[in-house]
Structure formats: C-alpha cells, structure tokens
Amino acid sequence: MRVEFGGEGQGILLLHGLMGRATTWWPVTRWLTAYGRVVGLDARGHGRNPAPAGSCRTEDFAADAAKAVEELDLAPAVVIGHSMGGLHGLALAASRPELVRALVVEDMAVDQRGRTVADWQPWFRSWPVPFRSLAHVRSFFGEQNPVVGNYFVECVEERTDGYHFLCDLDEAAGIAAEWGERPFWSFVDDLRCPLLLIEGQNGIVPSGQMAEMARRAPDARHIVVPGAGHLVHDEEPDIYRGAVSAFLSEVLAR
C-alpha cells in the first residue's frame, strides 16, 4: 500500500485519483526523484491497500496520509495529488499543517454539490468486466484517448476469469457520493503552505473554481493547461513537469 519510488532527502508523497493506485504515478516519478524521496500511497479500497473504503470520508483518507508521512519520516512533505488525491492532500495540509511543506493539486474541485454518482452508475455497469486481456482494457478505455486506456491498464488485476478492477466499483461510487453532498472550501481557507493548482482545460472542474481556490489560498499559483483533460500529468507531461519543477525549485529554495 506504500510504494517507494526512490530518491533521497526531501519527502514527497503522491496521492492518486479515484479508482487509481500509487503505481499510476510511475512516469512522473522518473524525474520527480531528483527532488527527494518519492513515496506513493494506495488509498483505502484501492490498489493493494487491504482496508475497505466503506463509509470513509475525506478526513479519514487524510488521516491515512498523515500516518504514512509520520511513519515514513517524510515530514514536512511535499504532497502531490491528482483528483481525489488532490482533495485528500488539501484535507491533510489543512488539518495537519506541520506535516506538509507544499502541495500540488491537479484537476480537483472542492465544491461539486448537486452532482450525483447516479449518472455514473449506468456507465460503470456497461463496462465488460471481466476484461479478456490487458489489450482489451486498453482499447476499451482508450478508444477516444489512448492515455486513458494506458491509465486503466494499471488499475486492474488478473484473476481466473479475466481482468478485474482493484477498486470495487460500488466503493468508488460511495467515495464520490460525498463530493456531491458537501463543500470543501474550508480546506482551502485553512491552508497555510504554498499551493500549486494545475487544471486541465477540458477536465472535470467547474469553470472558475480552481481560480477561486487560488484567490482564497494565501500562497497559491494556478495554471490551466490548454487542451488537457483530467489526466494532465499523462496527457501533457512536459507542461506538467515544467510547472511542478518550477514550483518545487522555488519552494525548496526557501
């Protein structure tokens, strides 16, 4: 449930998105290890984490991340989160500021009230699980965007009857349901560390929301990546690397 990617010195914790796992960060870690010791965390109900997500809320995931930072002696850590992981990073930095030196949040909204996972369920149920092969996974999800297919290949495991997701679809829906029920602006308002917000032009965040997050945080930078969708770090890796590298160079020089 904790993956050591290498590097030394400054602790860097990576938090993945919904239905993902720590190893989806592998392409980013190839250059990120130049900035410190990089560790990825499998969230509850994801990857190889044996703990079910159940009725866990955002604060529970943040507490898991805090425990990892403390037990692995990463503090104060640079925390980098994508989507769900970005929200968990915000919760961690707001609740345990002594553990977080800087935070990167990629394409995550803090106010999605009114959205419902009911619209996702038919899509989930349409997926041909179990998949026949990894090529089947890649082609099914990558028909419109090959990057998405490659991402989901990392999120399945082989069983006797084919390939299944490591994250149970019902648990994923349960996690996401909370996002439509409550706002998380308080995490932004309580933030004290430097913050980098990376938004995909065609991502999932309601228009203007990440800009408002940057306005409300005391030390924030915000970029919108033209043409990128939700997986900015995979779709536009050079732009993502440039933004994060510049941010880390500034923060770590302080």
Protein backbone atom coordinates (compact mmCIF):
# COMPACT_ATOMS: atom_id res chain seq x y z
CA MET A 1 0.00 0.00 0.00
CA ARG A 2 3.07 2.26 0.12
CA VAL A 3 5.36 2.26 -2.90
CA GLU A 4 8.94 3.54 -2.64
CA PHE A 5 9.94 5.05 -5.99
CA GLY A 6 13.45 6.11 -4.97
CA GLY A 7 15.24 9.37 -4.35
CA GLU A 8 16.72 10.82 -1.17
CA GLY A 9 16.18 13.77 1.15
CA GLN A 10 13.00 15.82 0.96
CA GLY A 11 9.93 13.65 1.49
CA ILE A 12 7.42 13.64 -1.38
CA LEU A 13 4.08 11.86 -1.03
CA LEU A 14 1.96 11.02 -4.07
CA LEU A 15 -1.83 10.58 -3.77
CA HIS A 16 -3.71 9.03 -6.70
CA GLY A 17 -7.18 9.63 -8.08
CA LEU A 18 -10.39 7.65 -7.76
CA MET A 19 -10.01 4.04 -8.99
CA GLY A 20 -6.27 4.58 -9.37
CA ARG A 21 -3.29 3.31 -7.39
CA ALA A 22 0.15 4.54 -6.41
CA THR A 23 1.86 2.99 -9.44
CA THR A 24 -0.13 5.16 -11.87
CA TRP A 25 2.41 7.85 -10.88
CA TRP A 26 5.36 5.89 -12.27
CA PRO A 27 6.03 8.15 -15.33
CA VAL A 28 6.11 11.23 -13.08
CA THR A 29 8.43 9.60 -10.56
CA ARG A 30 11.14 9.11 -13.20
CA TRP A 31 12.04 12.81 -12.91
CA LEU A 32 10.48 13.62 -9.55
CA THR A 33 13.07 11.59 -7.62
CA ALA A 34 15.60 14.32 -8.43
CA TYR A 35 13.78 16.46 -5.85
CA GLY A 36 13.62 13.97 -2.98
CA ARG A 37 12.43 10.62 -1.67
CA VAL A 38 9.22 9.79 -3.52
CA VAL A 39 6.58 7.53 -1.95
CA GLY A 40 3.16 6.67 -3.37
CA LEU A 41 0.21 5.67 -1.21
CA ASP A 42 -2.62 3.30 -2.17
CA ALA A 43 -5.79 4.79 -0.68
CA ARG A 44 -8.29 2.63 1.16
CA GLY A 45 -10.20 0.42 -1.23
CA HIS A 46 -7.57 0.94 -3.94
CA GLY A 47 -4.53 -0.91 -5.22
CA ARG A 48 -3.05 -3.27 -2.64
CA ASN A 49 -4.46 -1.49 0.40
CA PRO A 50 -6.40 -4.18 2.31
CA ALA A 51 -8.54 -1.63 4.18
CA PRO A 52 -12.01 -1.18 2.62
CA ALA A 53 -13.22 2.34 1.92
CA GLY A 54 -16.65 1.53 3.31
CA SER A 55 -18.24 4.66 4.74
CA CYS A 56 -14.92 6.54 5.00
CA ARG A 57 -14.96 10.27 4.46
CA THR A 58 -12.34 12.62 3.13
CA GLU A 59 -10.94 13.26 6.60
CA ASP A 60 -10.33 9.51 7.05
CA PHE A 61 -8.25 9.34 3.87
CA ALA A 62 -6.33 12.41 5.02
CA ALA A 63 -5.63 10.72 8.35
CA ASP A 64 -4.22 7.71 6.48
CA ALA A 65 -1.92 10.03 4.53
CA ALA A 66 -0.83 11.73 7.76
CA LYS A 67 0.02 8.35 9.26
CA ALA A 68 2.12 7.49 6.22
CA VAL A 69 4.02 10.79 6.41
CA GLU A 70 4.75 10.24 10.10
CA GLU A 71 5.67 6.55 9.91
CA LEU A 72 7.89 7.01 6.87
CA ASP A 73 9.56 10.13 8.33
CA LEU A 74 8.65 12.29 5.33
CA ALA A 75 7.61 15.41 7.23
CA PRO A 76 7.31 18.14 6.31
CA ALA A 77 6.43 16.52 2.99
CA VAL A 78 5.69 17.86 -0.44
CA VAL A 79 2.28 16.34 -1.20
CA ILE A 80 1.19 15.89 -4.80
CA GLY A 81 -2.36 14.74 -5.52
CA HIS A 82 -4.39 14.06 -8.61
CA SER A 83 -8.19 14.42 -8.50
CA MET A 84 -9.36 12.57 -5.36
CA GLY A 85 -5.75 12.60 -4.16
CA GLY A 86 -5.68 16.37 -4.54
CA LEU A 87 -8.70 16.66 -2.26
CA HIS A 88 -7.08 14.36 0.29
CA GLY A 89 -3.92 16.45 0.08
CA LEU A 90 -5.90 19.60 0.79
CA ALA A 91 -7.53 17.94 3.80
CA LEU A 92 -4.15 16.78 5.07
CA ALA A 93 -2.48 20.18 4.69
CA ALA A 94 -5.40 21.96 6.35
CA SER A 95 -5.69 19.59 9.31
CA ARG A 96 -2.01 18.80 9.88
CA PRO A 97 -0.04 21.80 8.59
CA GLU A 98 3.13 20.69 10.37
CA LEU A 99 3.29 17.65 8.07
CA VAL A 100 3.05 19.46 4.71
CA ARG A 101 5.70 21.75 3.26
CA ALA A 102 3.97 22.34 -0.08
CA LEU A 103 1.00 20.99 -2.01
CA VAL A 104 0.22 20.30 -5.67
CA VAL A 105 -3.43 19.71 -6.61
CA GLU A 106 -4.28 18.50 -10.11
CA ASP A 107 -7.77 18.90 -11.58
CA MET A 108 -9.95 18.59 -8.48
CA ALA A 109 -12.98 20.61 -7.43
CA VAL A 110 -13.82 21.41 -3.82
CA ASP A 111 -17.50 22.15 -4.46
CA GLN A 112 -19.46 19.69 -6.57
CA ARG A 113 -22.75 19.92 -4.71
CA GLY A 114 -25.64 18.87 -6.87
CA ARG A 115 -23.65 16.37 -8.87
CA THR A 116 -24.67 12.77 -8.33
CA VAL A 117 -22.99 9.43 -8.92
CA ALA A 118 -26.33 8.08 -10.15
CA ASP A 119 -25.37 9.36 -13.59
CA TRP A 120 -22.16 7.31 -13.47
CA GLN A 121 -23.73 4.00 -12.48
CA PRO A 122 -25.07 3.03 -15.93
CA TRP A 123 -21.64 3.77 -17.38
CA PHE A 124 -19.95 1.64 -14.72
CA ARG A 125 -22.38 -1.20 -15.38
CA SER A 126 -21.69 -1.06 -19.10
CA TRP A 127 -18.06 -1.98 -18.64
CA PRO A 128 -17.31 -5.53 -19.86
CA VAL A 129 -15.82 -6.78 -16.59
CA PRO A 130 -14.02 -9.12 -16.50
CA PHE A 131 -11.91 -7.93 -19.40
CA ARG A 132 -10.38 -10.61 -21.59
CA SER A 133 -6.87 -9.14 -21.63
CA LEU A 134 -4.86 -6.02 -20.86
CA ALA A 135 -5.20 -5.12 -24.53
CA HIS A 136 -8.97 -5.30 -24.03
CA VAL A 137 -8.74 -2.83 -21.12
CA ARG A 138 -6.51 -0.51 -23.12
CA SER A 139 -8.71 -0.50 -26.21
CA PHE A 140 -12.00 -0.14 -24.31
CA PHE A 141 -10.97 2.92 -22.30
CA GLY A 142 -8.55 4.32 -24.84
CA GLU A 143 -10.85 4.45 -27.84
CA GLN A 144 -11.13 8.24 -27.60
CA ASN A 145 -7.92 8.93 -25.71
CA PRO A 146 -5.06 6.36 -25.56
CA VAL A 147 -3.76 7.98 -22.36
CA VAL A 148 -6.92 6.92 -20.51
CA GLY A 149 -6.52 3.35 -21.74
CA ASN A 150 -2.95 3.19 -20.50
CA TYR A 151 -4.02 4.61 -17.14
CA PHE A 152 -6.69 1.97 -16.55
CA VAL A 153 -4.38 -0.88 -17.52
CA GLU A 154 -2.50 -0.03 -14.31
CA CYS A 155 -5.71 -0.33 -12.25
CA VAL A 156 -6.69 -3.94 -12.92
CA GLU A 157 -5.52 -7.35 -11.80
CA GLU A 158 -5.74 -10.77 -13.40
CA ARG A 159 -8.00 -13.37 -11.84
CA THR A 160 -9.00 -16.81 -13.06
CA ASP A 161 -11.81 -15.45 -15.24
CA GLY A 162 -10.03 -12.36 -16.61
CA TYR A 163 -9.09 -8.83 -15.50
CA HIS A 164 -10.95 -7.01 -12.72
CA PHE A 165 -10.53 -3.57 -11.22
CA LEU A 166 -8.55 -3.42 -7.99
CA CYS A 167 -11.07 -0.86 -6.73
CA ASP A 168 -14.62 -2.10 -6.30
CA LEU A 169 -16.98 0.00 -8.41
CA ASP A 170 -19.55 0.30 -5.65
CA GLU A 171 -16.91 1.53 -3.23
CA ALA A 172 -15.71 4.05 -5.80
CA ALA A 173 -19.25 5.34 -6.20
CA GLY A 174 -19.61 5.59 -2.44
CA ILE A 175 -16.45 7.67 -2.13
CA ALA A 176 -17.52 10.02 -4.91
CA ALA A 177 -21.03 10.41 -3.49
CA GLU A 178 -19.65 12.52 -0.62
CA TRP A 179 -18.27 15.07 -3.09
CA GLY A 180 -21.78 15.93 -4.28
CA GLU A 181 -23.08 16.34 -0.75
CA ARG A 182 -20.72 18.83 0.91
CA PRO A 183 -18.35 21.65 0.02
CA PHE A 184 -14.67 21.55 0.96
CA TRP A 185 -13.84 25.25 0.83
CA SER A 186 -12.75 25.16 4.47
CA PHE A 187 -9.70 23.10 3.48
CA VAL A 188 -8.63 25.89 1.13
CA ASP A 189 -9.35 28.61 3.68
CA ASP A 190 -7.29 26.81 6.35
CA LEU A 191 -4.33 26.21 4.05
CA ARG A 192 -1.01 27.80 5.02
CA CYS A 193 1.56 26.09 2.81
CA PRO A 194 2.49 27.02 -0.80
CA LEU A 195 -0.03 25.63 -3.28
CA LEU A 196 0.18 24.82 -6.99
CA LEU A 197 -3.13 24.23 -8.78
CA ILE A 198 -2.95 22.51 -12.17
CA GLU A 199 -6.18 22.45 -14.16
CA GLY A 200 -6.93 20.71 -17.43
CA GLN A 201 -8.82 22.95 -19.84
CA ASN A 202 -11.14 20.02 -20.56
CA GLY A 203 -11.00 18.49 -17.09
CA ILE A 204 -13.73 17.84 -14.53
CA VAL A 205 -13.58 21.05 -12.50
CA PRO A 206 -16.48 23.55 -12.77
CA SER A 207 -15.36 26.68 -14.63
CA GLY A 208 -13.58 29.22 -12.46
CA GLN A 209 -13.42 27.08 -9.34
CA MET A 210 -9.68 26.41 -9.27
CA ALA A 211 -9.07 30.11 -9.95
CA GLU A 212 -11.20 30.88 -6.90
CA MET A 213 -9.22 28.35 -4.88
CA ALA A 214 -6.03 30.19 -5.85
CA ARG A 215 -7.57 33.51 -4.87
CA ARG A 216 -8.59 32.25 -1.44
CA ALA A 217 -5.34 30.47 -0.56
CA PRO A 218 -2.60 32.68 0.89
CA ASP A 219 0.29 31.42 -1.27
CA ALA A 220 -1.04 29.89 -4.49
CA ARG A 221 -0.26 29.56 -8.18
CA HIS A 222 -2.77 28.37 -10.76
CA ILE A 223 -2.25 27.20 -14.33
CA VAL A 224 -4.73 25.96 -16.92
CA VAL A 225 -3.24 23.53 -19.44
CA PRO A 226 -4.74 24.07 -22.91
CA GLY A 227 -6.32 21.01 -24.48
CA ALA A 228 -5.68 18.77 -21.48
CA GLY A 229 -8.35 16.67 -19.85
CA HIS A 230 -8.45 15.20 -16.37
CA LEU A 231 -5.12 13.35 -16.56
CA VAL A 232 -2.92 16.38 -17.10
CA HIS A 233 0.27 14.67 -15.88
CA ASP A 234 -0.18 11.95 -18.53
CA GLU A 235 -1.74 13.98 -21.35
CA GLU A 236 0.67 16.92 -21.22
CA PRO A 237 3.67 15.52 -19.32
CA ASP A 238 6.13 18.22 -20.39
CA ILE A 239 3.89 21.09 -19.27
CA TYR A 240 3.10 19.28 -16.02
CA ARG A 241 6.77 18.60 -15.35
CA GLY A 242 7.73 22.19 -16.08
CA ALA A 243 5.10 23.59 -13.72
CA VAL A 244 5.87 21.21 -10.86
CA SER A 245 9.63 21.53 -11.28
CA ALA A 246 9.47 25.33 -11.19
CA PHE A 247 7.23 25.19 -8.11
CA LEU A 248 9.46 22.75 -6.26
CA SER A 249 12.61 24.66 -7.14
CA GLU A 250 11.08 27.79 -5.64
CA VAL A 251 9.67 26.10 -2.54
CA LEU A 252 12.73 24.01 -1.71
CA ALA A 253 15.00 27.04 -2.05
CA ARG A 254 13.20 28.86 0.77
